[in-house]
C-alpha atoms as a PDB file:
ATOM      1  CA  MET A   1     135.973 117.115  92.509  1.00  0.00           C
ATOM      2  CA  GLU A   2     134.059 115.143  95.120  1.00  0.00           C
ATOM      3  CA  THR A   3     130.435 116.128  95.593  1.00  0.00           C
ATOM      4  CA  ARG A   4     128.124 115.568  98.504  1.00  0.00           C
ATOM      5  CA  TRP A   5     126.469 112.700  96.610  1.00  0.00           C
ATOM      6  CA  LYS A   6     129.728 110.783  96.501  1.00  0.00           C
ATOM      7  CA  ARG A   7     130.625 111.735 100.063  1.00  0.00           C
ATOM      8  CA  MET A   8     127.236 110.594 101.399  1.00  0.00           C
ATOM      9  CA  ARG A   9     127.505 107.332  99.472  1.00  0.00           C
ATOM     10  CA  PHE A  10     130.945 106.634 100.909  1.00  0.00           C
ATOM     11  CA  GLU A  11     129.806 107.595 104.421  1.00  0.00           C
ATOM     12  CA  ARG A  12     127.143 104.901 104.177  1.00  0.00           C
ATOM     13  CA  GLY A  13     129.513 102.343 102.690  1.00  0.00           C
ATOM     14  CA  TRP A  14     127.307 101.999  99.599  1.00  0.00           C
ATOM     15  CA  SER A  15     128.386 101.149  96.084  1.00  0.00           C
ATOM     16  CA  GLN A  16     126.900 102.970  93.103  1.00  0.00           C
ATOM     17  CA  ARG A  17     124.821  99.849  92.509  1.00  0.00           C
ATOM     18  CA  ASP A  18     123.399 100.188  96.042  1.00  0.00           C
ATOM     19  CA  VAL A  19     122.362 103.762  95.282  1.00  0.00           C
ATOM     20  CA  LEU A  20     120.849 102.689  91.950  1.00  0.00           C
ATOM     21  CA  ARG A  21     118.743 100.028  93.659  1.00  0.00           C
ATOM     22  CA  ARG A  22     117.545 102.522  96.246  1.00  0.00           C
ATOM     23  CA  LEU A  23     116.732 105.071  93.526  1.00  0.00           C
ATOM     24  CA  ALA A  24     114.648 102.462  91.705  1.00  0.00           C
ATOM     25  CA  VAL A  25     112.732 101.653  94.900  1.00  0.00           C
ATOM     26  CA  ALA A  26     112.112 105.352  95.583  1.00  0.00           C
ATOM     27  CA  ALA A  27     110.888 105.836  92.000  1.00  0.00           C
ATOM     28  CA  ARG A  28     108.535 102.831  92.254  1.00  0.00           C
ATOM     29  CA  ARG A  29     107.036 104.354  95.413  1.00  0.00           C
ATOM     30  CA  GLN A  30     106.145 107.358  93.248  1.00  0.00           C
ATOM     31  CA  GLY A  31     104.761 105.084  90.523  1.00  0.00           C
ATOM     32  CA  VAL A  32     107.597 105.878  88.116  1.00  0.00           C
ATOM     33  CA  ALA A  33     110.018 103.503  86.455  1.00  0.00           C
ATOM     34  CA  LEU A  34     113.551 104.738  85.864  1.00  0.00           C
ATOM     35  CA  PRO A  35     115.380 104.440  82.540  1.00  0.00           C
ATOM     36  CA  ALA A  36     117.803 101.562  81.984  1.00  0.00           C
ATOM     37  CA  GLU A  37     120.219 101.016  84.875  1.00  0.00           C
ATOM     38  CA  GLU A  38     123.263 101.877  82.761  1.00  0.00           C
ATOM     39  CA  SER A  39     121.755 105.267  81.903  1.00  0.00           C
ATOM     40  CA  VAL A  40     121.049 106.096  85.552  1.00  0.00           C
ATOM     41  CA  LYS A  41     124.510 104.815  86.557  1.00  0.00           C
ATOM     42  CA  LYS A  42     126.108 107.193  84.038  1.00  0.00           C
ATOM     43  CA  ALA A  43     124.035 110.079  85.416  1.00  0.00           C
ATOM     44  CA  LEU A  44     124.942 109.170  89.013  1.00  0.00           C
ATOM     45  CA  SER A  45     128.624 109.131  88.091  1.00  0.00           C
ATOM     46  CA  ARG A  46     128.292 112.575  86.499  1.00  0.00           C
ATOM     47  CA  TRP A  47     126.506 113.943  89.606  1.00  0.00           C
ATOM     48  CA  GLU A  48     129.143 112.442  91.893  1.00  0.00           C
ATOM     49  CA  ASN A  49     131.995 113.927  89.865  1.00  0.00           C
ATOM     50  CA  GLY A  50     130.385 117.350  89.555  1.00  0.00           C
ATOM     51  CA  HIS A  51     130.006 117.168  85.769  1.00  0.00           C
ATOM     52  CA  SER A  52     126.267 117.753  86.015  1.00  0.00           C
ATOM     53  CA  ARG A  53     123.571 118.221  88.608  1.00  0.00           C
ATOM     54  CA  PRO A  54     120.485 116.082  89.121  1.00  0.00           C
ATOM     55  CA  THR A  55     117.176 117.390  87.834  1.00  0.00           C
ATOM     56  CA  SER A  56     114.576 118.200  90.448  1.00  0.00           C
ATOM     57  CA  PHE A  57     112.976 114.788  89.840  1.00  0.00           C
ATOM     58  CA  TYR A  58     116.220 112.922  90.525  1.00  0.00           C
ATOM     59  CA  TYR A  59     117.047 115.282  93.364  1.00  0.00           C
ATOM     60  CA  GLY A  60     113.757 114.249  95.003  1.00  0.00           C
ATOM     61  CA  LEU A  61     114.717 110.586  94.662  1.00  0.00           C
ATOM     62  CA  LEU A  62     118.247 111.225  95.970  1.00  0.00           C
ATOM     63  CA  ALA A  63     116.833 113.193  98.902  1.00  0.00           C
ATOM     64  CA  GLU A  64     114.669 110.205  99.789  1.00  0.00           C
ATOM     65  CA  VAL A  65     117.540 107.736  99.365  1.00  0.00           C
ATOM     66  CA  PHE A  66     119.928 109.812 101.482  1.00  0.00           C
ATOM     67  CA  ASP A  67     117.240 110.959 103.939  1.00  0.00           C
ATOM     68  CA  LEU A  68     117.749 114.663 103.223  1.00  0.00           C
ATOM     69  CA  PRO A  69     115.300 117.340 104.374  1.00  0.00           C
ATOM     70  CA  ALA A  70     112.916 118.627 101.733  1.00  0.00           C
ATOM     71  CA  ASP A  71     114.431 122.122 101.901  1.00  0.00           C
ATOM     72  CA  ALA A  72     117.991 120.924 101.255  1.00  0.00           C
ATOM     73  CA  GLY A  73     117.843 121.572  97.523  1.00  0.00           C
ATOM     74  CA  PRO A  74     115.558 121.911  94.514  1.00  0.00           C
ATOM     75  CA  VAL A  75     111.890 121.234  95.045  1.00  0.00           C
ATOM     76  CA  PRO A  76     111.327 117.628  93.992  1.00  0.00           C
ATOM     77  CA  VAL A  77     108.709 116.862  91.402  1.00  0.00           C
ATOM     78  CA  ALA A  78     106.667 113.697  91.236  1.00  0.00           C
ATOM     79  CA  GLY A  79     107.554 112.848  87.656  1.00  0.00           C
ATOM     80  CA  PRO A  80     106.668 113.727  84.085  1.00  0.00           C
ATOM     81  CA  LYS A  81     103.802 116.116  83.321  1.00  0.00           C
ATOM     82  CA  PRO A  82     100.508 114.156  83.324  1.00  0.00           C
ATOM     83  CA  GLY A  83      98.901 113.541  79.940  1.00  0.00           C
ATOM     84  CA  THR A  84     102.162 113.542  77.997  1.00  0.00           C
ATOM     85  CA  VAL A  85     103.689 110.659  76.107  1.00  0.00           C
ATOM     86  CA  THR A  86     106.527 110.676  78.648  1.00  0.00           C
ATOM     87  CA  ALA A  87     104.039 110.284  81.503  1.00  0.00           C
ATOM     88  CA  GLU A  88     102.253 107.456  79.708  1.00  0.00           C
ATOM     89  CA  LEU A  89     105.584 105.725  79.066  1.00  0.00           C
ATOM     90  CA  ALA A  90     106.540 106.134  82.725  1.00  0.00           C
ATOM     91  CA  GLN A  91     103.199 104.588  83.739  1.00  0.00           C
ATOM     92  CA  MET A  92     103.724 101.667  81.364  1.00  0.00           C
ATOM     93  CA  ARG A  93     107.254 101.105  82.657  1.00  0.00           C
ATOM     94  CA  ALA A  94     106.008 101.161  86.237  1.00  0.00           C
ATOM     95  CA  GLU A  95     103.283  98.650  85.377  1.00  0.00           C
ATOM     96  CA  VAL A  96     105.778  96.374  83.612  1.00  0.00           C
ATOM     97  CA  GLY A  97     107.989  96.596  86.691  1.00  0.00           C
ATOM     98  CA  ARG A  98     105.090  95.628  88.964  1.00  0.00           C
ATOM     99  CA  LEU A  99     104.154  92.747  86.663  1.00  0.00           C
ATOM    100  CA  ALA A 100     107.765  91.533  86.580  1.00  0.00           C
ATOM    101  CA  GLU A 101     107.846  91.574  90.388  1.00  0.00           C
ATOM    102  CA  LEU A 102     104.570  89.628  90.481  1.00  0.00           C
ATOM    103  CA  VAL A 103     105.876  87.027  88.016  1.00  0.00           C
ATOM    104  CA  SER A 104     109.072  86.728  90.032  1.00  0.00           C
ATOM    105  CA  HIS A 105     107.082  86.251  93.236  1.00  0.00           C
ATOM    106  CA  LEU A 106     104.787  83.678  91.649  1.00  0.00           C
ATOM    107  CA  ALA A 107     107.771  81.774  90.248  1.00  0.00           C
ATOM    108  CA  ALA A 108     109.323  81.706  93.721  1.00  0.00           C
ATOM    109  CA  VAL A 109     106.224  80.230  95.365  1.00  0.00           C
ATOM    110  CA  ALA A 110     105.462  77.781  92.549  1.00  0.00           C
END
């Protein structure tokens, strides 16, 4: 079964890796780091094949990636509930991601 996620990806000529990169960028804009790429790739495959549906958090990211209107599906959420271990982990992952980008940039200009 082909879902709209797969159809929209094909319409844009994107690979799953392209979508994954765009999801990561959208998540960073929200200050959230995604789980390991392989985990998100497996989830994307399941969404595309209709085996599962994205959570409201991932739906929000997908809506941004595919430029969907806010009322086209579940209400997106910004991320994990503040003050939880999950939220703290997400913050740490986002900070590590920012630091890795900074190191990469500094290595390129050095």
